[in-house]
Amino acid sequence: PLMNGEECLDDIRRETNLNSVPIVIYSGFLDVEQVTLLKAKGADYYLKKPSTFEDLKRLLKKAISTVQSKDKGKNFIIS
């Protein structure tokens, strides 16, 4: 890739016409400092990659439901 997720987040949030687009960060790591930084930069939710395909399907459904409900702020980390 030409940029990492943080750089991509920065680019998306600089585009004013994309301000209303919810951003879910999807990562294999759960680093509290990085999660805090991504939230401060404008990410709406954080989803840690699960270890099984069944868990992935469950978490993606939960993420979609959370985004659709606009439950921003309550549960930044979707697990």
Protein backbone atom coordinates (compact mmCIF):
# COMPACT_ATOMS: atom_id res chain seq x y z
CA PRO A 1 0.00 0.00 0.00
CA LEU A 2 0.97 3.59 -0.54
CA MET A 3 -0.14 4.66 2.94
CA ASN A 4 -1.04 3.15 6.27
CA GLY A 5 -4.45 3.32 7.94
CA GLU A 6 -3.63 6.40 9.97
CA GLU A 7 -2.55 8.29 6.84
CA CYS A 8 -5.68 7.14 5.04
CA LEU A 9 -7.82 8.33 7.96
CA ASP A 10 -6.11 11.72 7.83
CA ASP A 11 -6.79 12.01 4.07
CA ILE A 12 -10.45 11.05 4.43
CA ARG A 13 -11.04 13.48 7.30
CA ARG A 14 -9.44 16.33 5.33
CA GLU A 15 -12.13 15.95 2.66
CA THR A 16 -15.03 18.03 3.96
CA ASN A 17 -17.51 16.26 1.67
CA LEU A 18 -16.70 13.00 3.50
CA ASN A 19 -17.24 14.33 7.04
CA SER A 20 -20.44 12.37 7.49
CA VAL A 21 -18.92 9.05 6.38
CA PRO A 22 -18.37 6.80 9.40
CA ILE A 23 -14.94 5.22 9.59
CA VAL A 24 -14.36 1.84 11.19
CA ILE A 25 -10.69 1.02 11.72
CA TYR A 26 -10.02 -2.68 11.14
CA SER A 27 -6.74 -3.96 12.57
CA GLY A 28 -5.05 -7.08 13.86
CA PHE A 29 -3.67 -5.23 16.86
CA LEU A 30 -5.30 -3.55 19.82
CA ASP A 31 -2.80 -0.94 21.00
CA VAL A 32 -4.53 1.41 23.44
CA GLU A 33 -2.32 4.39 22.52
CA GLN A 34 -2.92 3.88 18.79
CA VAL A 35 -6.67 3.42 19.34
CA THR A 36 -6.78 6.67 21.32
CA LEU A 37 -4.86 8.49 18.58
CA LEU A 38 -7.13 7.15 15.81
CA LYS A 39 -10.23 8.21 17.74
CA ALA A 40 -8.78 11.70 18.20
CA LYS A 41 -8.06 11.87 14.45
CA GLY A 42 -11.69 11.18 13.60
CA ALA A 43 -12.20 7.43 13.47
CA ASP A 44 -15.69 6.49 14.61
CA TYR A 45 -15.10 2.87 15.63
CA TYR A 46 -12.29 0.32 16.00
CA LEU A 47 -12.67 -3.35 15.15
CA LYS A 48 -9.92 -5.84 16.05
CA LYS A 49 -9.57 -8.70 13.60
CA PRO A 50 -10.92 -11.87 15.18
CA SER A 51 -9.28 -15.29 14.93
CA THR A 52 -12.13 -17.16 13.23
CA PHE A 53 -14.31 -16.56 10.21
CA GLU A 54 -17.46 -16.99 12.31
CA ASP A 55 -16.29 -14.29 14.71
CA LEU A 56 -15.45 -12.05 11.75
CA LYS A 57 -19.00 -12.37 10.39
CA ARG A 58 -20.45 -11.68 13.86
CA LEU A 59 -18.27 -8.61 14.40
CA LEU A 60 -18.94 -7.21 10.93
CA LYS A 61 -22.70 -7.52 11.53
CA LYS A 62 -22.26 -5.81 14.89
CA ALA A 63 -20.15 -3.05 13.31
CA ILE A 64 -22.72 -2.42 10.58
CA SER A 65 -25.52 -2.35 13.15
CA THR A 66 -23.55 0.03 15.38
CA VAL A 67 -22.79 2.38 12.48
CA GLN A 68 -26.41 2.34 11.32
CA SER A 69 -27.67 3.10 14.82
CA LYS A 70 -25.28 6.07 14.98
CA ASP A 71 -24.28 4.97 18.48
CA LYS A 72 -21.08 7.03 18.21
CA GLY A 73 -19.01 7.40 21.32
CA LYS A 74 -20.58 4.74 23.50
CA ASN A 75 -18.62 1.79 22.17
CA PHE A 76 -15.62 2.95 20.17
CA ILE A 77 -14.09 -0.54 20.23
CA ILE A 78 -16.42 -3.08 18.69
CA SER A 79 -15.85 -6.51 20.18
